[in-house]
PDB file of N, CA and C in Angstrom:
ATOM      1  N   UNK A   1      -2.302  11.449   8.604  1.00  0.00           N
ATOM      2  CA  UNK A   1      -1.696  10.432   7.930  1.00  0.00           C
ATOM      3  C   UNK A   1      -0.813  11.281   6.754  1.00  0.00           C
ATOM      4  N   UNK A   2       0.519  11.198   6.643  1.00  0.00           N
ATOM      5  CA  UNK A   2       1.152  11.724   5.719  1.00  0.00           C
ATOM      6  C   UNK A   2       1.569  10.732   4.769  1.00  0.00           C
ATOM      7  N   UNK A   3       1.728  11.125   3.461  1.00  0.00           N
ATOM      8  CA  UNK A   3       1.954  10.211   2.341  1.00  0.00           C
ATOM      9  C   UNK A   3       2.947  10.878   1.620  1.00  0.00           C
ATOM     10  N   UNK A   4       4.015  10.106   1.052  1.00  0.00           N
ATOM     11  CA  UNK A   4       5.203  10.761   0.340  1.00  0.00           C
ATOM     12  C   UNK A   4       5.095   9.784  -0.769  1.00  0.00           C
ATOM     13  N   UNK A   5       5.582  10.112  -2.045  1.00  0.00           N
ATOM     14  CA  UNK A   5       5.633   9.216  -3.234  1.00  0.00           C
ATOM     15  C   UNK A   5       6.883   9.516  -3.897  1.00  0.00           C
ATOM     16  N   UNK A   6       7.586   8.248  -4.304  1.00  0.00           N
ATOM     17  CA  UNK A   6       8.937   8.237  -4.841  1.00  0.00           C
ATOM     18  C   UNK A   6       8.798   7.017  -6.057  1.00  0.00           C
ATOM     19  N   UNK A   7       9.074   7.532  -7.020  1.00  0.00           N
ATOM     20  CA  UNK A   7       8.986   6.743  -8.521  1.00  0.00           C
ATOM     21  C   UNK A   7      10.455   6.423  -8.861  1.00  0.00           C
ATOM     22  N   UNK A   8      10.793   4.920  -8.526  1.00  0.00           N
ATOM     23  CA  UNK A   8      11.865   4.239  -9.081  1.00  0.00           C
ATOM     24  C   UNK A   8      11.598   3.531 -10.241  1.00  0.00           C
ATOM     25  N   UNK A   9      12.345   3.773 -11.539  1.00  0.00           N
ATOM     26  CA  UNK A   9      11.833   3.122 -12.738  1.00  0.00           C
ATOM     27  C   UNK A   9      10.366   3.343 -13.143  1.00  0.00           C
ATOM     28  N   UNK A  10       9.619   2.252 -13.081  1.00  0.00           N
ATOM     29  CA  UNK A  10       8.194   2.219 -13.385  1.00  0.00           C
ATOM     30  C   UNK A  10       7.208   1.810 -12.039  1.00  0.00           C
ATOM     31  N   UNK A  11       8.140   1.835 -10.926  1.00  0.00           N
ATOM     32  CA  UNK A  11       7.643   1.425  -9.811  1.00  0.00           C
ATOM     33  C   UNK A  11       7.265   2.764  -8.728  1.00  0.00           C
ATOM     34  N   UNK A  12       6.171   2.983  -8.332  1.00  0.00           N
ATOM     35  CA  UNK A  12       5.943   3.993  -7.030  1.00  0.00           C
ATOM     36  C   UNK A  12       6.121   3.406  -5.704  1.00  0.00           C
ATOM     37  N   UNK A  13       6.667   4.013  -4.932  1.00  0.00           N
ATOM     38  CA  UNK A  13       6.680   3.633  -3.559  1.00  0.00           C
ATOM     39  C   UNK A  13       5.890   4.657  -2.912  1.00  0.00           C
ATOM     40  N   UNK A  14       4.777   4.517  -2.206  1.00  0.00           N
ATOM     41  CA  UNK A  14       4.081   5.438  -1.367  1.00  0.00           C
ATOM     42  C   UNK A  14       4.297   5.199   0.129  1.00  0.00           C
ATOM     43  N   UNK A  15       4.873   6.004   0.655  1.00  0.00           N
ATOM     44  CA  UNK A  15       5.536   5.902   2.250  1.00  0.00           C
ATOM     45  C   UNK A  15       4.433   6.813   3.292  1.00  0.00           C
ATOM     46  N   UNK A  16       3.897   5.942   4.098  1.00  0.00           N
ATOM     47  CA  UNK A  16       2.838   6.506   4.919  1.00  0.00           C
ATOM     48  C   UNK A  16       3.231   6.701   6.306  1.00  0.00           C
ATOM     49  N   UNK A  17       3.112   7.582   7.005  1.00  0.00           N
ATOM     50  CA  UNK A  17       3.191   7.802   8.262  1.00  0.00           C
ATOM     51  C   UNK A  17       1.996   8.264   9.069  1.00  0.00           C
ATOM     52  N   UNK A  18       1.664   7.441  10.477  1.00  0.00           N
ATOM     53  CA  UNK A  18       0.631   7.677  11.157  1.00  0.00           C
ATOM     54  C   UNK A  18      -0.443   6.566  11.196  1.00  0.00           C
ATOM     55  N   UNK A  19      -1.837   7.075  11.378  1.00  0.00           N
ATOM     56  CA  UNK A  19      -2.811   5.927  11.357  1.00  0.00           C
ATOM     57  C   UNK A  19      -3.519   5.867  10.076  1.00  0.00           C
ATOM     58  N   UNK A  20      -3.976   4.638   9.599  1.00  0.00           N
ATOM     59  CA  UNK A  20      -4.785   4.240   8.650  1.00  0.00           C
ATOM     60  C   UNK A  20      -6.020   3.925   9.098  1.00  0.00           C
ATOM     61  N   UNK A  21      -6.703   4.849   9.364  1.00  0.00           N
ATOM     62  CA  UNK A  21      -8.145   4.539  10.000  1.00  0.00           C
ATOM     63  C   UNK A  21      -9.336   5.131   9.291  1.00  0.00           C
ATOM     64  N   UNK A  22      -9.274   5.511   8.172  1.00  0.00           N
ATOM     65  CA  UNK A  22     -10.659   5.703   7.366  1.00  0.00           C
ATOM     66  C   UNK A  22     -10.647   7.135   7.245  1.00  0.00           C
ATOM     67  N   UNK A  23     -11.489   7.814   6.696  1.00  0.00           N
ATOM     68  CA  UNK A  23     -11.854   9.183   6.663  1.00  0.00           C
ATOM     69  C   UNK A  23     -10.976   9.824   5.421  1.00  0.00           C
ATOM     70  N   UNK A  24     -10.326  10.879   5.304  1.00  0.00           N
ATOM     71  CA  UNK A  24      -9.587  11.615   4.344  1.00  0.00           C
ATOM     72  C   UNK A  24      -8.293  10.922   4.412  1.00  0.00           C
ATOM     73  N   UNK A  25      -7.831  10.494   5.118  1.00  0.00           N
ATOM     74  CA  UNK A  25      -6.433   9.448   4.690  1.00  0.00           C
ATOM     75  C   UNK A  25      -6.725   8.383   3.643  1.00  0.00           C
ATOM     76  N   UNK A  26      -7.906   7.542   4.111  1.00  0.00           N
ATOM     77  CA  UNK A  26      -7.787   6.415   3.057  1.00  0.00           C
ATOM     78  C   UNK A  26      -8.348   6.931   1.756  1.00  0.00           C
ATOM     79  N   UNK A  27      -9.219   7.753   1.600  1.00  0.00           N
ATOM     80  CA  UNK A  27      -9.622   8.489   0.295  1.00  0.00           C
ATOM     81  C   UNK A  27      -8.183   8.942  -0.322  1.00  0.00           C
ATOM     82  N   UNK A  28      -7.408   9.552   0.397  1.00  0.00           N
ATOM     83  CA  UNK A  28      -6.145  10.280  -0.365  1.00  0.00           C
ATOM     84  C   UNK A  28      -5.362   8.976  -0.957  1.00  0.00           C
ATOM     85  N   UNK A  29      -5.140   7.972  -0.104  1.00  0.00           N
ATOM     86  CA  UNK A  29      -4.412   7.088  -0.728  1.00  0.00           C
ATOM     87  C   UNK A  29      -4.957   6.261  -1.664  1.00  0.00           C
ATOM     88  N   UNK A  30      -6.217   6.035  -1.902  1.00  0.00           N
ATOM     89  CA  UNK A  30      -6.823   5.533  -3.190  1.00  0.00           C
ATOM     90  C   UNK A  30      -6.907   6.589  -4.195  1.00  0.00           C
ATOM     91  N   UNK A  31      -7.094   7.589  -3.809  1.00  0.00           N
ATOM     92  CA  UNK A  31      -6.967   8.946  -5.076  1.00  0.00           C
ATOM     93  C   UNK A  31      -5.563   8.884  -5.502  1.00  0.00           C
ATOM     94  N   UNK A  32      -4.686   8.543  -4.802  1.00  0.00           N
ATOM     95  CA  UNK A  32      -3.087   8.853  -5.186  1.00  0.00           C
ATOM     96  C   UNK A  32      -2.923   7.506  -5.994  1.00  0.00           C
ATOM     97  N   UNK A  33      -3.348   6.346  -5.739  1.00  0.00           N
ATOM     98  CA  UNK A  33      -3.350   5.131  -6.489  1.00  0.00           C
ATOM     99  C   UNK A  33      -3.768   5.489  -7.882  1.00  0.00           C
ATOM    100  N   UNK A  34      -5.098   6.020  -8.055  1.00  0.00           N
ATOM    101  CA  UNK A  34      -5.827   6.269  -9.215  1.00  0.00           C
ATOM    102  C   UNK A  34      -4.952   6.986 -10.160  1.00  0.00           C
ATOM    103  N   UNK A  35      -4.114   8.248  -9.522  1.00  0.00           N
ATOM    104  CA  UNK A  35      -3.387   9.060 -10.194  1.00  0.00           C
ATOM    105  C   UNK A  35      -2.388   8.524 -10.931  1.00  0.00           C
ATOM    106  N   UNK A  36      -1.640   7.536 -10.091  1.00  0.00           N
ATOM    107  CA  UNK A  36      -0.594   6.674 -10.586  1.00  0.00           C
ATOM    108  C   UNK A  36      -1.023   6.150 -11.793  1.00  0.00           C
ATOM    109  N   UNK A  37      -2.110   5.316 -11.853  1.00  0.00           N
ATOM    110  CA  UNK A  37      -2.637   4.636 -12.753  1.00  0.00           C
ATOM    111  C   UNK A  37      -2.934   5.447 -14.234  1.00  0.00           C
ATOM    112  N   UNK A  38      -3.422   6.576 -13.684  1.00  0.00           N
ATOM    113  CA  UNK A  38      -3.807   7.559 -14.763  1.00  0.00           C
ATOM    114  C   UNK A  38      -2.196   8.041 -15.638  1.00  0.00           C
ATOM    115  N   UNK A  39      -1.434   8.155 -14.611  1.00  0.00           N
ATOM    116  CA  UNK A  39       0.117   8.345 -15.356  1.00  0.00           C
ATOM    117  C   UNK A  39       0.819   7.120 -16.063  1.00  0.00           C
ATOM    118  N   UNK A  40       0.179   6.145 -15.931  1.00  0.00           N
ATOM    119  CA  UNK A  40       0.740   4.809 -16.494  1.00  0.00           C
ATOM    120  C   UNK A  40       1.434   4.096 -15.399  1.00  0.00           C
ATOM    121  N   UNK A  41       1.410   4.262 -14.218  1.00  0.00           N
ATOM    122  CA  UNK A  41       2.418   3.499 -13.351  1.00  0.00           C
ATOM    123  C   UNK A  41       1.432   2.688 -12.590  1.00  0.00           C
ATOM    124  N   UNK A  42       1.493   1.479 -12.881  1.00  0.00           N
ATOM    125  CA  UNK A  42       0.587   0.373 -12.373  1.00  0.00           C
ATOM    126  C   UNK A  42       1.185  -0.514 -11.377  1.00  0.00           C
ATOM    127  N   UNK A  43       2.457  -0.453 -10.885  1.00  0.00           N
ATOM    128  CA  UNK A  43       3.249  -1.069  -9.880  1.00  0.00           C
ATOM    129  C   UNK A  43       3.710  -0.290  -8.828  1.00  0.00           C
ATOM    130  N   UNK A  44       3.065  -0.708  -7.366  1.00  0.00           N
ATOM    131  CA  UNK A  44       3.173   0.356  -6.394  1.00  0.00           C
ATOM    132  C   UNK A  44       3.550  -0.780  -5.203  1.00  0.00           C
ATOM    133  N   UNK A  45       4.412   0.061  -4.256  1.00  0.00           N
ATOM    134  CA  UNK A  45       4.739  -0.441  -2.975  1.00  0.00           C
ATOM    135  C   UNK A  45       4.091   0.508  -2.041  1.00  0.00           C
ATOM    136  N   UNK A  46       3.434  -0.209  -0.985  1.00  0.00           N
ATOM    137  CA  UNK A  46       3.022   0.834  -0.216  1.00  0.00           C
ATOM    138  C   UNK A  46       3.984   0.426   1.097  1.00  0.00           C
ATOM    139  N   UNK A  47       4.817   1.389   1.372  1.00  0.00           N
ATOM    140  CA  UNK A  47       5.903   1.229   2.586  1.00  0.00           C
ATOM    141  C   UNK A  47       5.212   1.773   4.063  1.00  0.00           C
ATOM    142  N   UNK A  48       4.880   0.781   4.624  1.00  0.00           N
ATOM    143  CA  UNK A  48       4.005   1.029   5.986  1.00  0.00           C
ATOM    144  C   UNK A  48       4.742   0.889   7.079  1.00  0.00           C
ATOM    145  N   UNK A  49       5.930   0.967   7.169  1.00  0.00           N
ATOM    146  CA  UNK A  49       6.926   1.079   8.136  1.00  0.00           C
ATOM    147  C   UNK A  49       6.733   2.127   9.244  1.00  0.00           C
ATOM    148  N   UNK A  50       6.175   3.247   8.937  1.00  0.00           N
ATOM    149  CA  UNK A  50       5.589   4.195   9.984  1.00  0.00           C
ATOM    150  C   UNK A  50       4.257   4.551  10.027  1.00  0.00           C
ATOM    151  N   UNK A  51       3.723   3.389   9.681  1.00  0.00           N
ATOM    152  CA  UNK A  51       1.930   3.071   9.853  1.00  0.00           C
ATOM    153  C   UNK A  51       1.843   2.543  11.352  1.00  0.00           C
ATOM    154  N   UNK A  52       1.691   3.258  12.383  1.00  0.00           N
ATOM    155  CA  UNK A  52       1.571   2.646  13.915  1.00  0.00           C
ATOM    156  C   UNK A  52       0.082   2.059  14.020  1.00  0.00           C
ATOM    157  N   UNK A  53      -0.806   2.153  13.266  1.00  0.00           N
ATOM    158  CA  UNK A  53      -2.241   1.290  13.218  1.00  0.00           C
ATOM    159  C   UNK A  53      -2.928   1.750  12.236  1.00  0.00           C
ATOM    160  N   UNK A  54      -3.845   0.625  12.086  1.00  0.00           N
ATOM    161  CA  UNK A  54      -4.774   0.570  10.994  1.00  0.00           C
ATOM    162  C   UNK A  54      -6.143  -0.223  11.582  1.00  0.00           C
ATOM    163  N   UNK A  55      -7.147   0.004  10.964  1.00  0.00           N
ATOM    164  CA  UNK A  55      -8.467  -0.657  11.165  1.00  0.00           C
ATOM    165  C   UNK A  55      -8.881  -1.336   9.820  1.00  0.00           C
ATOM    166  N   UNK A  56     -10.315  -1.840   9.975  1.00  0.00           N
ATOM    167  CA  UNK A  56     -10.801  -2.268   8.941  1.00  0.00           C
ATOM    168  C   UNK A  56     -10.877  -1.481   7.622  1.00  0.00           C
ATOM    169  N   UNK A  57     -11.323  -0.273   7.783  1.00  0.00           N
ATOM    170  CA  UNK A  57     -11.355   0.821   6.852  1.00  0.00           C
ATOM    171  C   UNK A  57     -10.180   1.011   5.959  1.00  0.00           C
ATOM    172  N   UNK A  58      -8.881   1.047   6.664  1.00  0.00           N
ATOM    173  CA  UNK A  58      -7.600   1.068   6.149  1.00  0.00           C
ATOM    174  C   UNK A  58      -7.360  -0.302   5.384  1.00  0.00           C
ATOM    175  N   UNK A  59      -7.693  -1.418   5.981  1.00  0.00           N
ATOM    176  CA  UNK A  59      -7.376  -2.649   5.199  1.00  0.00           C
ATOM    177  C   UNK A  59      -8.387  -2.501   3.820  1.00  0.00           C
ATOM    178  N   UNK A  60      -9.541  -2.238   3.865  1.00  0.00           N
ATOM    179  CA  UNK A  60     -10.508  -2.021   2.977  1.00  0.00           C
ATOM    180  C   UNK A  60      -9.730  -1.146   1.791  1.00  0.00           C
ATOM    181  N   UNK A  61      -9.364  -0.111   2.285  1.00  0.00           N
ATOM    182  CA  UNK A  61      -8.550   0.966   1.124  1.00  0.00           C
ATOM    183  C   UNK A  61      -7.456   0.171   0.508  1.00  0.00           C
ATOM    184  N   UNK A  62      -6.788  -0.676   1.206  1.00  0.00           N
ATOM    185  CA  UNK A  62      -5.449  -1.410   0.598  1.00  0.00           C
ATOM    186  C   UNK A  62      -6.354  -2.264  -0.482  1.00  0.00           C
ATOM    187  N   UNK A  63      -7.224  -2.979  -0.038  1.00  0.00           N
ATOM    188  CA  UNK A  63      -7.786  -4.096  -0.827  1.00  0.00           C
ATOM    189  C   UNK A  63      -8.291  -3.132  -2.103  1.00  0.00           C
ATOM    190  N   UNK A  64      -8.915  -2.179  -2.091  1.00  0.00           N
ATOM    191  CA  UNK A  64      -9.512  -1.385  -3.384  1.00  0.00           C
ATOM    192  C   UNK A  64      -8.524  -0.828  -4.116  1.00  0.00           C
ATOM    193  N   UNK A  65      -7.429  -0.491  -3.402  1.00  0.00           N
ATOM    194  CA  UNK A  65      -5.974   0.235  -4.025  1.00  0.00           C
ATOM    195  C   UNK A  65      -5.660  -1.133  -4.968  1.00  0.00           C
ATOM    196  N   UNK A  66      -5.630  -2.193  -4.318  1.00  0.00           N
ATOM    197  CA  UNK A  66      -4.665  -3.372  -5.223  1.00  0.00           C
ATOM    198  C   UNK A  66      -5.807  -3.805  -6.238  1.00  0.00           C
ATOM    199  N   UNK A  67      -7.056  -3.948  -5.924  1.00  0.00           N
ATOM    200  CA  UNK A  67      -8.059  -4.064  -7.064  1.00  0.00           C
ATOM    201  C   UNK A  67      -7.686  -2.980  -8.348  1.00  0.00           C
ATOM    202  N   UNK A  68      -7.564  -1.613  -8.147  1.00  0.00           N
ATOM    203  CA  UNK A  68      -7.511  -0.722  -9.121  1.00  0.00           C
ATOM    204  C   UNK A  68      -6.430  -1.103  -9.732  1.00  0.00           C
ATOM    205  N   UNK A  69      -5.486  -1.448  -9.146  1.00  0.00           N
ATOM    206  CA  UNK A  69      -3.953  -1.625  -9.894  1.00  0.00           C
ATOM    207  C   UNK A  69      -4.071  -3.013 -10.740  1.00  0.00           C
ATOM    208  N   UNK A  70      -4.564  -3.853  -9.927  1.00  0.00           N
ATOM    209  CA  UNK A  70      -4.472  -5.247 -10.656  1.00  0.00           C
ATOM    210  C   UNK A  70      -5.583  -4.863 -12.140  1.00  0.00           C
ATOM    211  N   UNK A  71      -6.807  -4.250 -11.957  1.00  0.00           N
ATOM    212  CA  UNK A  71      -7.364  -3.930 -13.206  1.00  0.00           C
ATOM    213  C   UNK A  71      -7.052  -3.104 -14.325  1.00  0.00           C
ATOM    214  N   UNK A  72      -5.649  -2.661 -13.923  1.00  0.00           N
ATOM    215  CA  UNK A  72      -4.882  -1.940 -14.799  1.00  0.00           C
ATOM    216  C   UNK A  72      -3.737  -2.810 -15.317  1.00  0.00           C
ATOM    217  N   UNK A  73      -3.670  -3.731 -14.915  1.00  0.00           N
ATOM    218  CA  UNK A  73      -2.363  -4.536 -15.239  1.00  0.00           C
ATOM    219  C   UNK A  73      -1.060  -4.622 -14.378  1.00  0.00           C
ATOM    220  N   UNK A  74      -1.173  -3.893 -13.205  1.00  0.00           N
ATOM    221  CA  UNK A  74      -0.425  -3.759 -12.137  1.00  0.00           C
ATOM    222  C   UNK A  74      -0.430  -4.700 -11.148  1.00  0.00           C
ATOM    223  N   UNK A  75       0.350  -4.367 -10.040  1.00  0.00           N
ATOM    224  CA  UNK A  75       0.208  -5.031  -8.900  1.00  0.00           C
ATOM    225  C   UNK A  75       0.497  -4.321  -7.572  1.00  0.00           C
ATOM    226  N   UNK A  76       0.080  -4.472  -6.218  1.00  0.00           N
ATOM    227  CA  UNK A  76       0.454  -3.810  -5.237  1.00  0.00           C
ATOM    228  C   UNK A  76       0.993  -4.666  -4.153  1.00  0.00           C
ATOM    229  N   UNK A  77       2.408  -4.195  -3.673  1.00  0.00           N
ATOM    230  CA  UNK A  77       3.005  -4.886  -2.631  1.00  0.00           C
ATOM    231  C   UNK A  77       3.232  -4.159  -1.388  1.00  0.00           C
ATOM    232  N   UNK A  78       3.136  -4.773  -0.439  1.00  0.00           N
ATOM    233  CA  UNK A  78       3.391  -4.188   1.136  1.00  0.00           C
ATOM    234  C   UNK A  78       4.603  -4.390   1.776  1.00  0.00           C
ATOM    235  N   UNK A  79       5.264  -3.418   2.222  1.00  0.00           N
ATOM    236  CA  UNK A  79       6.353  -3.552   2.851  1.00  0.00           C
ATOM    237  C   UNK A  79       6.420  -2.986   4.218  1.00  0.00           C
ATOM    238  N   UNK A  80       7.331  -3.343   5.119  1.00  0.00           N
ATOM    239  CA  UNK A  80       7.446  -2.715   6.431  1.00  0.00           C
ATOM    240  C   UNK A  80       6.322  -2.695   7.482  1.00  0.00           C
ATOM    241  N   UNK A  81       5.627  -3.872   7.565  1.00  0.00           N
ATOM    242  CA  UNK A  81       4.417  -3.779   8.261  1.00  0.00           C
ATOM    243  C   UNK A  81       5.091  -4.042   9.946  1.00  0.00           C
ATOM    244  N   UNK A  82       4.562  -3.026  10.838  1.00  0.00           N
ATOM    245  CA  UNK A  82       4.949  -3.189  12.216  1.00  0.00           C
ATOM    246  C   UNK A  82       3.811  -4.494  12.861  1.00  0.00           C
ATOM    247  N   UNK A  83       4.308  -4.516  14.020  1.00  0.00           N
ATOM    248  CA  UNK A  83       3.489  -5.839  14.768  1.00  0.00           C
ATOM    249  C   UNK A  83       2.129  -6.071  14.624  1.00  0.00           C
ATOM    250  N   UNK A  84       1.533  -4.827  14.777  1.00  0.00           N
ATOM    251  CA  UNK A  84       0.098  -4.664  15.099  1.00  0.00           C
ATOM    252  C   UNK A  84      -0.518  -4.654  13.800  1.00  0.00           C
ATOM    253  N   UNK A  85       0.152  -4.037  12.725  1.00  0.00           N
ATOM    254  CA  UNK A  85      -0.569  -4.220  11.356  1.00  0.00           C
ATOM    255  C   UNK A  85      -0.294  -5.667  10.733  1.00  0.00           C
ATOM    256  N   UNK A  86       0.837  -6.271  11.202  1.00  0.00           N
ATOM    257  CA  UNK A  86       1.210  -7.496  10.621  1.00  0.00           C
ATOM    258  C   UNK A  86       0.085  -8.570  11.185  1.00  0.00           C
ATOM    259  N   UNK A  87      -0.232  -8.275  12.617  1.00  0.00           N
ATOM    260  CA  UNK A  87      -1.149  -8.876  13.075  1.00  0.00           C
ATOM    261  C   UNK A  87      -2.692  -8.944  12.474  1.00  0.00           C
ATOM    262  N   UNK A  88      -2.840  -7.579  12.246  1.00  0.00           N
ATOM    263  CA  UNK A  88      -4.528  -7.540  11.369  1.00  0.00           C
ATOM    264  C   UNK A  88      -4.339  -8.272  10.064  1.00  0.00           C
ATOM    265  N   UNK A  89      -3.148  -7.882   9.365  1.00  0.00           N
ATOM    266  CA  UNK A  89      -3.059  -8.870   7.781  1.00  0.00           C
ATOM    267  C   UNK A  89      -3.250 -10.242   8.015  1.00  0.00           C
ATOM    268  N   UNK A  90      -2.740 -10.717   9.188  1.00  0.00           N
ATOM    269  CA  UNK A  90      -2.749 -12.262   9.329  1.00  0.00           C
ATOM    270  C   UNK A  90      -4.248 -12.477   9.787  1.00  0.00           C
ATOM    271  N   UNK A  91      -4.729 -11.899  10.674  1.00  0.00           N
ATOM    272  CA  UNK A  91      -6.189 -12.231  11.171  1.00  0.00           C
ATOM    273  C   UNK A  91      -6.958 -12.222   9.775  1.00  0.00           C
ATOM    274  N   UNK A  92      -7.071 -11.040   9.091  1.00  0.00           N
ATOM    275  CA  UNK A  92      -7.895 -11.070   7.845  1.00  0.00           C
ATOM    276  C   UNK A  92      -7.276 -12.055   6.672  1.00  0.00           C
ATOM    277  N   UNK A  93      -6.064 -12.487   6.947  1.00  0.00           N
ATOM    278  CA  UNK A  93      -5.742 -13.573   6.132  1.00  0.00           C
ATOM    279  C   UNK A  93      -5.364 -12.716   4.695  1.00  0.00           C
ATOM    280  N   UNK A  94      -4.950 -11.550   4.799  1.00  0.00           N
ATOM    281  CA  UNK A  94      -4.497 -10.593   3.650  1.00  0.00           C
ATOM    282  C   UNK A  94      -2.783 -10.945   3.402  1.00  0.00           C
ATOM    283  N   UNK A  95      -2.342 -11.669   4.489  1.00  0.00           N
ATOM    284  CA  UNK A  95      -0.856 -12.180   4.166  1.00  0.00           C
ATOM    285  C   UNK A  95      -0.747 -13.235   3.120  1.00  0.00           C
ATOM    286  N   UNK A  96      -1.916 -13.707   2.955  1.00  0.00           N
ATOM    287  CA  UNK A  96      -2.009 -14.630   1.704  1.00  0.00           C
ATOM    288  C   UNK A  96      -2.417 -14.308   0.629  1.00  0.00           C
ATOM    289  N   UNK A  97      -2.806 -12.829   0.325  1.00  0.00           N
ATOM    290  CA  UNK A  97      -3.086 -12.144  -0.828  1.00  0.00           C
ATOM    291  C   UNK A  97      -2.136 -11.339  -1.351  1.00  0.00           C
ATOM    292  N   UNK A  98      -1.384 -10.726  -0.436  1.00  0.00           N
ATOM    293  CA  UNK A  98      -0.526  -9.806  -0.770  1.00  0.00           C
ATOM    294  C   UNK A  98       1.015 -10.310  -0.394  1.00  0.00           C
ATOM    295  N   UNK A  99       1.841  -9.971  -1.532  1.00  0.00           N
ATOM    296  CA  UNK A  99       3.271 -10.068  -1.164  1.00  0.00           C
ATOM    297  C   UNK A  99       3.649  -9.104  -0.214  1.00  0.00           C
ATOM    298  N   UNK A 100       4.342  -9.325   1.046  1.00  0.00           N
ATOM    299  CA  UNK A 100       4.632  -8.543   2.044  1.00  0.00           C
ATOM    300  C   UNK A 100       6.220  -8.896   2.023  1.00  0.00           C
ATOM    301  N   UNK A 101       6.843  -7.500   2.400  1.00  0.00           N
ATOM    302  CA  UNK A 101       8.294  -7.390   2.279  1.00  0.00           C
ATOM    303  C   UNK A 101       8.895  -6.681   3.556  1.00  0.00           C
ATOM    304  N   UNK A 102       9.994  -6.884   3.983  1.00  0.00           N
ATOM    305  CA  UNK A 102      10.478  -6.487   5.011  1.00  0.00           C
ATOM    306  C   UNK A 102      10.926  -4.797   4.967  1.00  0.00           C
ATOM    307  N   UNK A 103      11.135  -4.537   3.635  1.00  0.00           N
ATOM    308  CA  UNK A 103      11.592  -3.230   3.272  1.00  0.00           C
ATOM    309  C   UNK A 103      11.088  -2.543   1.881  1.00  0.00           C
ATOM    310  N   UNK A 104      10.724  -1.695   1.584  1.00  0.00           N
ATOM    311  CA  UNK A 104      10.111  -0.951   0.283  1.00  0.00           C
ATOM    312  C   UNK A 104      11.254  -1.384  -0.841  1.00  0.00           C
ATOM    313  N   UNK A 105      12.630  -1.165  -0.526  1.00  0.00           N
ATOM    314  CA  UNK A 105      13.492  -1.322  -1.511  1.00  0.00           C
ATOM    315  C   UNK A 105      13.472  -2.975  -2.279  1.00  0.00           C
ATOM    316  N   UNK A 106      13.183  -3.644  -1.347  1.00  0.00           N
ATOM    317  CA  UNK A 106      13.101  -5.122  -1.713  1.00  0.00           C
ATOM    318  C   UNK A 106      11.982  -5.719  -2.244  1.00  0.00           C
ATOM    319  N   UNK A 107      10.808  -4.723  -2.037  1.00  0.00           N
ATOM    320  CA  UNK A 107       9.651  -4.951  -2.582  1.00  0.00           C
ATOM    321  C   UNK A 107       9.598  -4.420  -4.095  1.00  0.00           C
ATOM    322  N   UNK A 108       9.973  -3.140  -4.170  1.00  0.00           N
ATOM    323  CA  UNK A 108      10.378  -2.508  -5.448  1.00  0.00           C
ATOM    324  C   UNK A 108      11.207  -3.258  -6.412  1.00  0.00           C
ATOM    325  N   UNK A 109      12.360  -3.925  -5.873  1.00  0.00           N
ATOM    326  CA  UNK A 109      13.092  -4.584  -6.621  1.00  0.00           C
ATOM    327  C   UNK A 109      12.832  -6.044  -7.012  1.00  0.00           C
ATOM    328  N   UNK A 110      11.586  -6.190  -6.628  1.00  0.00           N
ATOM    329  CA  UNK A 110      11.045  -7.712  -7.053  1.00  0.00           C
ATOM    330  C   UNK A 110       9.962  -7.437  -8.173  1.00  0.00           C
ATOM    331  N   UNK A 111       9.777  -6.385  -8.621  1.00  0.00           N
ATOM    332  CA  UNK A 111       8.930  -6.084  -9.685  1.00  0.00           C
ATOM    333  C   UNK A 111       9.641  -6.574 -11.229  1.00  0.00           C
TER     334      UNK A 111
END
């Protein structure tokens, strides 16, 4: 899993590539969110357009990251879900918890 970070105004866009299946990848994502909060950036878009698979551990990491941001007064938005990931979000009813956007730019503009 590769993660890149771009900050636009007061919104961070984290672009991920690969599989979100647990282990060091999920730790890195949540650690990155915590670092952003420490820097005062509490609004984050997860660009998942290049994530080709995730499992329940990946979903749990996204939920934990959202909780971290919410507790800091911010919000997590999800963008670019591929079909398999969108299906998992739907099965887990997370599509009713998160604002999901087609692109990271649209999600960032909605803050």
